[in-house]
Amino acid sequence: MGTDPDAAKLAGLLADEVRLAVVAALALGAADIDGVAAATGRTPTEVALAARRLGRGGLVRRDGAALQLRTEVFAAAARAAGEHRPPPEPLSPDPAADAVLQSFVREGRLTSIPAHRGKRLVVLDHLVRVFEPGVRYPEREVNALLAVWHPDTAALRRYLVDEGLLSRDAGVYWRSGGTVEV
């Protein structure tokens, strides 16, 4: 392979136990086949075969028995993978609200509860959509739905009630505000 491997090829090169051990030994300072063999408990033949494959893959430079890990390949593969990642799906059609949500929501979870009320309202309006209008929820179910978003269910529940997005009576909650999709 003449060019540096991309992230998928890099993962493929490291998917083999012997090649992974060779890379680890080189990263920790081994500099030749015998040094890698001593560090990994592999035979020099196993190390040489793995080093040859890693060299063809662009991850190791070989000069006779001397080996050098091309650590810059990892950074290049990570950069290239990041460049090809599609932009995140918008969480709101409103660009300002989407910017707030992108800051506080990662992989469907709330990373933190915003301290600023304006931002918190945007996040709460997004969260309250898990509650169906007209449905009554016992507190246990409210906690279960909110726990999917963030472990501090009591704070989220309190904010939703205080901001008029949920109403509460005798331990039963219902949606009383927020944006409704039509």
C-alpha atoms as a PDB file:
ATOM      1  CA  MET A   1       0.000   0.000   0.000  1.00  0.00           C
ATOM      2  CA  GLY A   2       1.681   3.216  -1.134  1.00  0.00           C
ATOM      3  CA  THR A   3      -0.384   5.668   0.871  1.00  0.00           C
ATOM      4  CA  ASP A   4      -1.122   5.868   4.561  1.00  0.00           C
ATOM      5  CA  PRO A   5      -3.969   3.593   5.644  1.00  0.00           C
ATOM      6  CA  ASP A   6      -7.380   5.055   6.379  1.00  0.00           C
ATOM      7  CA  ALA A   7      -9.064   4.351   9.722  1.00  0.00           C
ATOM      8  CA  ALA A   8     -10.764   1.169   8.469  1.00  0.00           C
ATOM      9  CA  LYS A   9      -7.535  -0.263   7.027  1.00  0.00           C
ATOM     10  CA  LEU A  10      -5.677   0.751  10.166  1.00  0.00           C
ATOM     11  CA  ALA A  11      -8.234  -1.115  12.282  1.00  0.00           C
ATOM     12  CA  GLY A  12      -7.839  -4.117   9.970  1.00  0.00           C
ATOM     13  CA  LEU A  13      -4.065  -4.060  10.393  1.00  0.00           C
ATOM     14  CA  LEU A  14      -4.470  -3.997  14.177  1.00  0.00           C
ATOM     15  CA  ALA A  15      -7.199  -6.665  14.268  1.00  0.00           C
ATOM     16  CA  ASP A  16      -4.577  -9.438  14.307  1.00  0.00           C
ATOM     17  CA  GLU A  17      -3.238 -10.284  17.784  1.00  0.00           C
ATOM     18  CA  VAL A  18       0.386 -10.641  16.664  1.00  0.00           C
ATOM     19  CA  ARG A  19       0.387  -7.414  14.631  1.00  0.00           C
ATOM     20  CA  LEU A  20      -1.203  -5.560  17.534  1.00  0.00           C
ATOM     21  CA  ALA A  21       1.474  -6.902  19.893  1.00  0.00           C
ATOM     22  CA  VAL A  22       4.202  -5.795  17.453  1.00  0.00           C
ATOM     23  CA  VAL A  23       2.734  -2.282  17.244  1.00  0.00           C
ATOM     24  CA  ALA A  24       2.455  -2.091  21.041  1.00  0.00           C
ATOM     25  CA  ALA A  25       6.064  -3.198  21.530  1.00  0.00           C
ATOM     26  CA  LEU A  26       7.275  -0.658  18.961  1.00  0.00           C
ATOM     27  CA  ALA A  27       5.224   2.078  20.623  1.00  0.00           C
ATOM     28  CA  LEU A  28       6.838   1.184  23.948  1.00  0.00           C
ATOM     29  CA  GLY A  29      10.350   1.456  22.557  1.00  0.00           C
ATOM     30  CA  ALA A  30      11.384  -1.820  20.927  1.00  0.00           C
ATOM     31  CA  ALA A  31      13.410  -1.027  17.831  1.00  0.00           C
ATOM     32  CA  ASP A  32      14.127  -4.303  16.046  1.00  0.00           C
ATOM     33  CA  ILE A  33      12.748  -7.786  15.447  1.00  0.00           C
ATOM     34  CA  ASP A  34      14.612  -9.330  18.384  1.00  0.00           C
ATOM     35  CA  GLY A  35      13.521  -6.539  20.757  1.00  0.00           C
ATOM     36  CA  VAL A  36       9.889  -6.919  19.705  1.00  0.00           C
ATOM     37  CA  ALA A  37      10.120 -10.707  20.056  1.00  0.00           C
ATOM     38  CA  ALA A  38      11.527 -10.350  23.585  1.00  0.00           C
ATOM     39  CA  ALA A  39       8.868  -7.788  24.564  1.00  0.00           C
ATOM     40  CA  THR A  40       5.932  -9.763  23.169  1.00  0.00           C
ATOM     41  CA  GLY A  41       6.962 -13.371  23.772  1.00  0.00           C
ATOM     42  CA  ARG A  42       6.529 -14.055  20.040  1.00  0.00           C
ATOM     43  CA  THR A  43       9.099 -15.780  17.883  1.00  0.00           C
ATOM     44  CA  PRO A  44      11.325 -13.657  15.644  1.00  0.00           C
ATOM     45  CA  THR A  45       9.643 -15.328  12.642  1.00  0.00           C
ATOM     46  CA  GLU A  46       6.168 -14.304  13.860  1.00  0.00           C
ATOM     47  CA  VAL A  47       7.411 -10.769  14.450  1.00  0.00           C
ATOM     48  CA  ALA A  48       9.081 -10.586  11.033  1.00  0.00           C
ATOM     49  CA  LEU A  49       5.922 -11.768   9.257  1.00  0.00           C
ATOM     50  CA  ALA A  50       3.740  -9.316  11.187  1.00  0.00           C
ATOM     51  CA  ALA A  51       6.236  -6.494  10.562  1.00  0.00           C
ATOM     52  CA  ARG A  52       6.232  -7.270   6.848  1.00  0.00           C
ATOM     53  CA  ARG A  53       2.414  -7.010   6.748  1.00  0.00           C
ATOM     54  CA  LEU A  54       2.492  -3.807   8.845  1.00  0.00           C
ATOM     55  CA  GLY A  55       5.154  -2.416   6.509  1.00  0.00           C
ATOM     56  CA  ARG A  56       3.067  -3.173   3.420  1.00  0.00           C
ATOM     57  CA  GLY A  57       0.155  -1.505   5.204  1.00  0.00           C
ATOM     58  CA  GLY A  58       2.180   1.670   5.771  1.00  0.00           C
ATOM     59  CA  LEU A  59       2.282   1.445   9.570  1.00  0.00           C
ATOM     60  CA  VAL A  60       5.881   0.258  10.089  1.00  0.00           C
ATOM     61  CA  ARG A  61       9.116   1.282   8.408  1.00  0.00           C
ATOM     62  CA  ARG A  62      11.578  -1.624   8.002  1.00  0.00           C
ATOM     63  CA  ASP A  63      15.280  -1.383   7.435  1.00  0.00           C
ATOM     64  CA  GLY A  64      16.657  -4.898   7.689  1.00  0.00           C
ATOM     65  CA  ALA A  65      15.921  -6.034  11.239  1.00  0.00           C
ATOM     66  CA  ALA A  66      15.321  -2.455  12.430  1.00  0.00           C
ATOM     67  CA  LEU A  67      11.680  -1.453  12.798  1.00  0.00           C
ATOM     68  CA  GLN A  68      10.102   1.946  13.294  1.00  0.00           C
ATOM     69  CA  LEU A  69       6.434   2.597  14.035  1.00  0.00           C
ATOM     70  CA  ARG A  70       5.022   5.392  11.886  1.00  0.00           C
ATOM     71  CA  THR A  71       2.972   7.034  14.656  1.00  0.00           C
ATOM     72  CA  GLU A  72       1.970   9.915  12.387  1.00  0.00           C
ATOM     73  CA  VAL A  73      -0.242   7.458  10.493  1.00  0.00           C
ATOM     74  CA  PHE A  74      -2.621   7.235  13.472  1.00  0.00           C
ATOM     75  CA  ALA A  75      -3.126  11.013  13.543  1.00  0.00           C
ATOM     76  CA  ALA A  76      -3.600  11.156   9.765  1.00  0.00           C
ATOM     77  CA  ALA A  77      -6.185   8.355   9.859  1.00  0.00           C
ATOM     78  CA  ALA A  78      -8.072  10.055  12.705  1.00  0.00           C
ATOM     79  CA  ARG A  79      -8.079  13.390  10.850  1.00  0.00           C
ATOM     80  CA  ALA A  80      -9.265  11.754   7.636  1.00  0.00           C
ATOM     81  CA  ALA A  81     -12.036   9.888   9.464  1.00  0.00           C
ATOM     82  CA  GLY A  82     -13.202  13.146  11.058  1.00  0.00           C
ATOM     83  CA  GLU A  83     -13.219  14.952   7.715  1.00  0.00           C
ATOM     84  CA  HIS A  84     -15.491  12.323   6.168  1.00  0.00           C
ATOM     85  CA  ARG A  85     -17.961  12.245   9.049  1.00  0.00           C
ATOM     86  CA  PRO A  86     -21.324  13.618   7.977  1.00  0.00           C
ATOM     87  CA  PRO A  87     -22.537  16.675   9.868  1.00  0.00           C
ATOM     88  CA  PRO A  88     -24.770  15.846  12.841  1.00  0.00           C
ATOM     89  CA  GLU A  89     -28.492  15.636  12.214  1.00  0.00           C
ATOM     90  CA  PRO A  90     -30.201  18.834  13.331  1.00  0.00           C
ATOM     91  CA  LEU A  91     -32.095  18.410  16.591  1.00  0.00           C
ATOM     92  CA  SER A  92     -34.303  21.428  15.884  1.00  0.00           C
ATOM     93  CA  PRO A  93     -35.398  23.225  12.713  1.00  0.00           C
ATOM     94  CA  ASP A  94     -34.534  26.513  14.459  1.00  0.00           C
ATOM     95  CA  PRO A  95     -30.787  27.163  13.974  1.00  0.00           C
ATOM     96  CA  ALA A  96     -30.409  28.939  17.340  1.00  0.00           C
ATOM     97  CA  ALA A  97     -32.161  26.131  19.234  1.00  0.00           C
ATOM     98  CA  ASP A  98     -30.197  23.527  17.281  1.00  0.00           C
ATOM     99  CA  ALA A  99     -26.910  25.191  18.285  1.00  0.00           C
ATOM    100  CA  VAL A 100     -27.905  24.980  21.955  1.00  0.00           C
ATOM    101  CA  LEU A 101     -29.051  21.359  21.623  1.00  0.00           C
ATOM    102  CA  GLN A 102     -25.872  20.349  19.775  1.00  0.00           C
ATOM    103  CA  SER A 103     -23.895  21.772  22.716  1.00  0.00           C
ATOM    104  CA  PHE A 104     -25.781  19.849  25.388  1.00  0.00           C
ATOM    105  CA  VAL A 105     -26.997  16.629  23.715  1.00  0.00           C
ATOM    106  CA  ARG A 106     -24.565  13.877  22.670  1.00  0.00           C
ATOM    107  CA  GLU A 107     -25.691  10.508  21.344  1.00  0.00           C
ATOM    108  CA  GLY A 108     -29.215  11.033  22.630  1.00  0.00           C
ATOM    109  CA  ARG A 109     -28.118  11.981  26.163  1.00  0.00           C
ATOM    110  CA  LEU A 110     -27.961  15.282  27.950  1.00  0.00           C
ATOM    111  CA  THR A 111     -24.301  15.976  28.818  1.00  0.00           C
ATOM    112  CA  SER A 112     -25.231  18.561  31.445  1.00  0.00           C
ATOM    113  CA  ILE A 113     -28.197  20.667  32.467  1.00  0.00           C
ATOM    114  CA  PRO A 114     -27.617  24.226  31.245  1.00  0.00           C
ATOM    115  CA  ALA A 115     -27.227  26.795  34.019  1.00  0.00           C
ATOM    116  CA  HIS A 116     -28.422  29.653  31.800  1.00  0.00           C
ATOM    117  CA  ARG A 117     -32.238  29.714  31.855  1.00  0.00           C
ATOM    118  CA  GLY A 118     -32.626  30.503  28.149  1.00  0.00           C
ATOM    119  CA  LYS A 119     -30.514  27.516  27.128  1.00  0.00           C
ATOM    120  CA  ARG A 120     -32.167  25.345  29.756  1.00  0.00           C
ATOM    121  CA  LEU A 121     -35.604  26.212  28.298  1.00  0.00           C
ATOM    122  CA  VAL A 122     -34.463  25.087  24.841  1.00  0.00           C
ATOM    123  CA  VAL A 123     -33.224  21.792  26.279  1.00  0.00           C
ATOM    124  CA  LEU A 124     -36.349  21.273  28.414  1.00  0.00           C
ATOM    125  CA  ASP A 125     -38.611  21.951  25.428  1.00  0.00           C
ATOM    126  CA  HIS A 126     -36.690  19.251  23.565  1.00  0.00           C
ATOM    127  CA  LEU A 127     -36.920  16.774  26.477  1.00  0.00           C
ATOM    128  CA  VAL A 128     -40.613  17.286  27.183  1.00  0.00           C
ATOM    129  CA  ARG A 129     -41.399  15.793  23.766  1.00  0.00           C
ATOM    130  CA  VAL A 130     -40.956  12.302  25.258  1.00  0.00           C
ATOM    131  CA  PHE A 131     -44.240  12.909  27.107  1.00  0.00           C
ATOM    132  CA  GLU A 132     -47.417  12.480  25.080  1.00  0.00           C
ATOM    133  CA  PRO A 133     -49.988  15.262  25.502  1.00  0.00           C
ATOM    134  CA  GLY A 134     -53.066  13.999  27.322  1.00  0.00           C
ATOM    135  CA  VAL A 135     -51.296  11.041  28.979  1.00  0.00           C
ATOM    136  CA  ARG A 136     -50.870  10.874  32.761  1.00  0.00           C
ATOM    137  CA  TYR A 137     -47.596   9.445  34.076  1.00  0.00           C
ATOM    138  CA  PRO A 138     -46.781   8.160  37.563  1.00  0.00           C
ATOM    139  CA  GLU A 139     -43.579   9.642  39.011  1.00  0.00           C
ATOM    140  CA  ARG A 140     -41.730   6.343  38.545  1.00  0.00           C
ATOM    141  CA  GLU A 141     -42.431   6.419  34.798  1.00  0.00           C
ATOM    142  CA  VAL A 142     -41.447  10.094  34.553  1.00  0.00           C
ATOM    143  CA  ASN A 143     -38.134   9.209  36.233  1.00  0.00           C
ATOM    144  CA  ALA A 144     -37.584   6.289  33.847  1.00  0.00           C
ATOM    145  CA  LEU A 145     -38.193   8.502  30.789  1.00  0.00           C
ATOM    146  CA  LEU A 146     -35.917  11.254  32.097  1.00  0.00           C
ATOM    147  CA  ALA A 147     -33.162   8.813  33.170  1.00  0.00           C
ATOM    148  CA  VAL A 148     -32.632   7.998  29.497  1.00  0.00           C
ATOM    149  CA  TRP A 149     -31.519  11.618  29.082  1.00  0.00           C
ATOM    150  CA  HIS A 150     -29.647  12.357  32.311  1.00  0.00           C
ATOM    151  CA  PRO A 151     -29.090  10.720  35.727  1.00  0.00           C
ATOM    152  CA  ASP A 152     -30.400  13.717  37.710  1.00  0.00           C
ATOM    153  CA  THR A 153     -34.074  12.968  37.116  1.00  0.00           C
ATOM    154  CA  ALA A 154     -35.196  14.982  40.151  1.00  0.00           C
ATOM    155  CA  ALA A 155     -33.631  18.188  38.788  1.00  0.00           C
ATOM    156  CA  LEU A 156     -35.070  17.641  35.315  1.00  0.00           C
ATOM    157  CA  ARG A 157     -38.506  16.861  36.743  1.00  0.00           C
ATOM    158  CA  ARG A 158     -38.386  19.983  38.943  1.00  0.00           C
ATOM    159  CA  TYR A 159     -37.286  22.216  36.035  1.00  0.00           C
ATOM    160  CA  LEU A 160     -40.021  20.816  33.766  1.00  0.00           C
ATOM    161  CA  VAL A 161     -42.662  21.503  36.412  1.00  0.00           C
ATOM    162  CA  ASP A 162     -41.271  24.938  37.376  1.00  0.00           C
ATOM    163  CA  GLU A 163     -41.238  26.035  33.720  1.00  0.00           C
ATOM    164  CA  GLY A 164     -44.829  24.843  33.152  1.00  0.00           C
ATOM    165  CA  LEU A 165     -43.901  22.086  30.717  1.00  0.00           C
ATOM    166  CA  LEU A 166     -45.188  19.341  33.038  1.00  0.00           C
ATOM    167  CA  SER A 167     -47.909  19.615  35.642  1.00  0.00           C
ATOM    168  CA  ARG A 168     -48.087  17.534  38.793  1.00  0.00           C
ATOM    169  CA  ASP A 169     -50.813  16.473  41.211  1.00  0.00           C
ATOM    170  CA  ALA A 170     -50.594  13.705  43.843  1.00  0.00           C
ATOM    171  CA  GLY A 171     -47.542  12.066  42.249  1.00  0.00           C
ATOM    172  CA  VAL A 172     -49.060  12.037  38.757  1.00  0.00           C
ATOM    173  CA  TYR A 173     -47.579  14.130  35.931  1.00  0.00           C
ATOM    174  CA  TRP A 174     -48.864  15.234  32.547  1.00  0.00           C
ATOM    175  CA  ARG A 175     -47.523  17.379  29.766  1.00  0.00           C
ATOM    176  CA  SER A 176     -48.844  20.917  29.998  1.00  0.00           C
ATOM    177  CA  GLY A 177     -46.540  22.887  27.705  1.00  0.00           C
ATOM    178  CA  GLY A 178     -43.749  22.878  25.185  1.00  0.00           C
ATOM    179  CA  THR A 179     -43.626  22.633  21.420  1.00  0.00           C
ATOM    180  CA  VAL A 180     -45.956  20.072  19.913  1.00  0.00           C
ATOM    181  CA  GLU A 181     -45.262  18.540  16.500  1.00  0.00           C
ATOM    182  CA  VAL A 182     -48.296  18.631  14.210  1.00  0.00           C
END
